[in-house]
């Protein structure tokens, strides 16, 4: 599935919830069920620069595709970062590096975020593309 198809599926799945803040709540609830990254992976090397919150992002290449794991110090940020990381997981490094997809904007979740949070999430997308270029 291409990133464009994946984004459309995500929009189809979550826009059944008409209210943006409620949609955001669903994203956060999903992330609450995720296990945290082990302390050994919560290192400066994995920290995303440009985020006010503490955000850690790891990429792993398997069979020509990248898969991402993440964590953050707050439930809202963890939910948003997980949504972005999960969106790009499974794509090829070339597809990720060339993509300007923004699942948060597609879901209109960015409308409910402060400029600081939007900037931090842009840094997460940039870090994902950086990891893709390094893996490609």
C-alpha atoms as a PDB file:
ATOM      1  CA  UNK A   1       0.000   0.000   0.000  1.00  0.00           C
ATOM      2  CA  UNK A   2       1.388   3.408  -0.950  1.00  0.00           C
ATOM      3  CA  UNK A   3       1.534   6.258   1.532  1.00  0.00           C
ATOM      4  CA  UNK A   4      -1.229   8.042  -0.388  1.00  0.00           C
ATOM      5  CA  UNK A   5      -3.452   4.964  -0.087  1.00  0.00           C
ATOM      6  CA  UNK A   6      -2.518   4.569   3.569  1.00  0.00           C
ATOM      7  CA  UNK A   7      -3.394   8.209   4.239  1.00  0.00           C
ATOM      8  CA  UNK A   8      -6.771   7.812   2.525  1.00  0.00           C
ATOM      9  CA  UNK A   9      -7.489   4.689   4.584  1.00  0.00           C
ATOM     10  CA  UNK A  10      -6.560   6.534   7.784  1.00  0.00           C
ATOM     11  CA  UNK A  11      -8.845   9.418   6.832  1.00  0.00           C
ATOM     12  CA  UNK A  12     -11.668   6.999   5.988  1.00  0.00           C
ATOM     13  CA  UNK A  13     -11.214   5.179   9.305  1.00  0.00           C
ATOM     14  CA  UNK A  14     -11.028   8.229  11.576  1.00  0.00           C
ATOM     15  CA  UNK A  15     -13.276  10.787   9.914  1.00  0.00           C
ATOM     16  CA  UNK A  16     -16.285   8.698  10.907  1.00  0.00           C
ATOM     17  CA  UNK A  17     -15.683  10.608  14.141  1.00  0.00           C
ATOM     18  CA  UNK A  18     -16.925  14.057  13.069  1.00  0.00           C
ATOM     19  CA  UNK A  19     -15.516  16.075  15.975  1.00  0.00           C
ATOM     20  CA  UNK A  20     -11.793  16.949  15.738  1.00  0.00           C
ATOM     21  CA  UNK A  21     -11.121  16.989  19.504  1.00  0.00           C
ATOM     22  CA  UNK A  22     -12.884  13.624  19.857  1.00  0.00           C
ATOM     23  CA  UNK A  23     -10.780  12.234  16.986  1.00  0.00           C
ATOM     24  CA  UNK A  24      -7.698  13.467  18.829  1.00  0.00           C
ATOM     25  CA  UNK A  25      -8.914  11.710  21.969  1.00  0.00           C
ATOM     26  CA  UNK A  26      -9.123   8.407  20.061  1.00  0.00           C
ATOM     27  CA  UNK A  27      -5.523   8.840  18.862  1.00  0.00           C
ATOM     28  CA  UNK A  28      -4.349   9.484  22.430  1.00  0.00           C
ATOM     29  CA  UNK A  29      -6.308   6.507  23.803  1.00  0.00           C
ATOM     30  CA  UNK A  30      -4.688   4.179  21.253  1.00  0.00           C
ATOM     31  CA  UNK A  31      -1.228   5.355  22.278  1.00  0.00           C
ATOM     32  CA  UNK A  32      -1.939   4.862  25.992  1.00  0.00           C
ATOM     33  CA  UNK A  33      -2.082   1.116  25.346  1.00  0.00           C
ATOM     34  CA  UNK A  34       1.402   1.045  23.849  1.00  0.00           C
ATOM     35  CA  UNK A  35       4.309  -0.075  25.982  1.00  0.00           C
ATOM     36  CA  UNK A  36       6.925   2.596  26.624  1.00  0.00           C
ATOM     37  CA  UNK A  37      10.316   2.368  24.990  1.00  0.00           C
ATOM     38  CA  UNK A  38      12.885   0.746  27.255  1.00  0.00           C
ATOM     39  CA  UNK A  39      15.094   3.212  29.106  1.00  0.00           C
ATOM     40  CA  UNK A  40      18.068   1.921  27.082  1.00  0.00           C
ATOM     41  CA  UNK A  41      16.422   3.378  23.950  1.00  0.00           C
ATOM     42  CA  UNK A  42      15.441   6.690  25.517  1.00  0.00           C
ATOM     43  CA  UNK A  43      18.800   8.204  24.654  1.00  0.00           C
ATOM     44  CA  UNK A  44      19.932  11.530  23.243  1.00  0.00           C
ATOM     45  CA  UNK A  45      20.789   9.755  19.981  1.00  0.00           C
ATOM     46  CA  UNK A  46      17.115   8.836  19.540  1.00  0.00           C
ATOM     47  CA  UNK A  47      15.686  12.127  20.777  1.00  0.00           C
ATOM     48  CA  UNK A  48      13.930  14.329  18.233  1.00  0.00           C
ATOM     49  CA  UNK A  49      15.362  17.836  18.142  1.00  0.00           C
ATOM     50  CA  UNK A  50      12.836  20.635  17.752  1.00  0.00           C
ATOM     51  CA  UNK A  51      10.275  19.180  20.126  1.00  0.00           C
ATOM     52  CA  UNK A  52       9.646  20.916  23.410  1.00  0.00           C
ATOM     53  CA  UNK A  53       8.412  17.607  24.814  1.00  0.00           C
ATOM     54  CA  UNK A  54      10.781  14.700  25.160  1.00  0.00           C
ATOM     55  CA  UNK A  55      10.262  12.549  22.049  1.00  0.00           C
ATOM     56  CA  UNK A  56      12.269   9.494  21.080  1.00  0.00           C
ATOM     57  CA  UNK A  57      12.110   7.944  17.626  1.00  0.00           C
ATOM     58  CA  UNK A  58      13.855   4.849  16.307  1.00  0.00           C
ATOM     59  CA  UNK A  59      13.835   3.474  12.788  1.00  0.00           C
ATOM     60  CA  UNK A  60      14.616  -0.092  11.808  1.00  0.00           C
ATOM     61  CA  UNK A  61      15.108  -1.362   8.258  1.00  0.00           C
ATOM     62  CA  UNK A  62      13.729  -4.816   7.447  1.00  0.00           C
ATOM     63  CA  UNK A  63      13.380  -6.336   4.006  1.00  0.00           C
ATOM     64  CA  UNK A  64      13.729  -2.998   2.253  1.00  0.00           C
ATOM     65  CA  UNK A  65      11.177  -1.182   4.394  1.00  0.00           C
ATOM     66  CA  UNK A  66      11.430   1.048   7.455  1.00  0.00           C
ATOM     67  CA  UNK A  67       9.566   0.540  10.704  1.00  0.00           C
ATOM     68  CA  UNK A  68       9.422   3.119  13.457  1.00  0.00           C
ATOM     69  CA  UNK A  69       8.996   2.966  17.210  1.00  0.00           C
ATOM     70  CA  UNK A  70       8.544   5.988  19.383  1.00  0.00           C
ATOM     71  CA  UNK A  71       7.741   7.331  22.800  1.00  0.00           C
ATOM     72  CA  UNK A  72       7.133  10.709  24.392  1.00  0.00           C
ATOM     73  CA  UNK A  73       6.844  12.135  27.869  1.00  0.00           C
ATOM     74  CA  UNK A  74       3.151  13.030  27.618  1.00  0.00           C
ATOM     75  CA  UNK A  75       0.078  11.131  26.410  1.00  0.00           C
ATOM     76  CA  UNK A  76      -1.044  13.692  23.813  1.00  0.00           C
ATOM     77  CA  UNK A  77       2.388  13.989  22.229  1.00  0.00           C
ATOM     78  CA  UNK A  78       2.904  10.216  22.371  1.00  0.00           C
ATOM     79  CA  UNK A  79      -0.415   9.702  20.588  1.00  0.00           C
ATOM     80  CA  UNK A  80       0.391  12.180  17.843  1.00  0.00           C
ATOM     81  CA  UNK A  81       3.953  10.967  17.352  1.00  0.00           C
ATOM     82  CA  UNK A  82       2.777   7.350  17.298  1.00  0.00           C
ATOM     83  CA  UNK A  83       0.188   8.183  14.637  1.00  0.00           C
ATOM     84  CA  UNK A  84       2.863   9.771  12.428  1.00  0.00           C
ATOM     85  CA  UNK A  85       5.421   6.995  13.052  1.00  0.00           C
ATOM     86  CA  UNK A  86       2.874   4.262  12.442  1.00  0.00           C
ATOM     87  CA  UNK A  87       1.730   5.990   9.262  1.00  0.00           C
ATOM     88  CA  UNK A  88       5.233   5.890   7.757  1.00  0.00           C
ATOM     89  CA  UNK A  89       6.094   2.410   9.094  1.00  0.00           C
ATOM     90  CA  UNK A  90       6.258  -0.227   6.411  1.00  0.00           C
ATOM     91  CA  UNK A  91       7.080   2.146   3.549  1.00  0.00           C
ATOM     92  CA  UNK A  92      10.310   2.053   1.586  1.00  0.00           C
ATOM     93  CA  UNK A  93      13.026   4.568   2.423  1.00  0.00           C
ATOM     94  CA  UNK A  94      12.643   6.144  -1.044  1.00  0.00           C
ATOM     95  CA  UNK A  95       8.892   6.596  -0.631  1.00  0.00           C
ATOM     96  CA  UNK A  96       9.304   8.147   2.818  1.00  0.00           C
ATOM     97  CA  UNK A  97      12.137  10.457   1.734  1.00  0.00           C
ATOM     98  CA  UNK A  98      10.096  11.724  -1.225  1.00  0.00           C
ATOM     99  CA  UNK A  99       6.833  12.081   0.681  1.00  0.00           C
ATOM    100  CA  UNK A 100       5.347  15.302   1.953  1.00  0.00           C
ATOM    101  CA  UNK A 101       2.370  13.433   3.447  1.00  0.00           C
ATOM    102  CA  UNK A 102       1.020  14.807   6.695  1.00  0.00           C
ATOM    103  CA  UNK A 103      -1.525  12.466   8.272  1.00  0.00           C
ATOM    104  CA  UNK A 104      -2.302  14.982  11.019  1.00  0.00           C
ATOM    105  CA  UNK A 105      -3.304  17.627   8.491  1.00  0.00           C
ATOM    106  CA  UNK A 106      -5.276  15.065   6.464  1.00  0.00           C
ATOM    107  CA  UNK A 107      -7.253  14.237   9.614  1.00  0.00           C
ATOM    108  CA  UNK A 108      -7.524  17.944  10.487  1.00  0.00           C
ATOM    109  CA  UNK A 109      -5.951  17.185  13.852  1.00  0.00           C
ATOM    110  CA  UNK A 110      -3.385  19.927  13.388  1.00  0.00           C
ATOM    111  CA  UNK A 111      -6.173  22.526  13.727  1.00  0.00           C
ATOM    112  CA  UNK A 112      -6.484  21.659  17.412  1.00  0.00           C
ATOM    113  CA  UNK A 113      -2.765  21.964  18.168  1.00  0.00           C
ATOM    114  CA  UNK A 114      -0.697  24.891  19.334  1.00  0.00           C
ATOM    115  CA  UNK A 115       1.944  26.272  16.957  1.00  0.00           C
ATOM    116  CA  UNK A 116       4.623  24.817  19.250  1.00  0.00           C
ATOM    117  CA  UNK A 117       3.133  21.310  18.957  1.00  0.00           C
ATOM    118  CA  UNK A 118       2.763  21.666  15.176  1.00  0.00           C
ATOM    119  CA  UNK A 119       6.439  22.658  14.941  1.00  0.00           C
ATOM    120  CA  UNK A 120       7.473  19.696  17.075  1.00  0.00           C
ATOM    121  CA  UNK A 121       5.492  17.288  14.914  1.00  0.00           C
ATOM    122  CA  UNK A 122       7.076  18.803  11.800  1.00  0.00           C
ATOM    123  CA  UNK A 123      10.425  17.952  13.427  1.00  0.00           C
ATOM    124  CA  UNK A 124       9.218  14.356  13.888  1.00  0.00           C
ATOM    125  CA  UNK A 125       8.294  14.098  10.185  1.00  0.00           C
ATOM    126  CA  UNK A 126      11.660  15.620   9.255  1.00  0.00           C
ATOM    127  CA  UNK A 127      13.475  13.082  11.455  1.00  0.00           C
ATOM    128  CA  UNK A 128      11.542  10.227   9.826  1.00  0.00           C
ATOM    129  CA  UNK A 129      12.599  11.486   6.368  1.00  0.00           C
ATOM    130  CA  UNK A 130      16.189  11.867   7.625  1.00  0.00           C
ATOM    131  CA  UNK A 131      16.206   8.248   8.831  1.00  0.00           C
ATOM    132  CA  UNK A 132      14.757   7.180   5.466  1.00  0.00           C
ATOM    133  CA  UNK A 133      17.469   8.999   3.513  1.00  0.00           C
ATOM    134  CA  UNK A 134      20.122   7.381   5.725  1.00  0.00           C
ATOM    135  CA  UNK A 135      18.620   3.923   5.143  1.00  0.00           C
ATOM    136  CA  UNK A 136      18.146   4.434   1.393  1.00  0.00           C
END
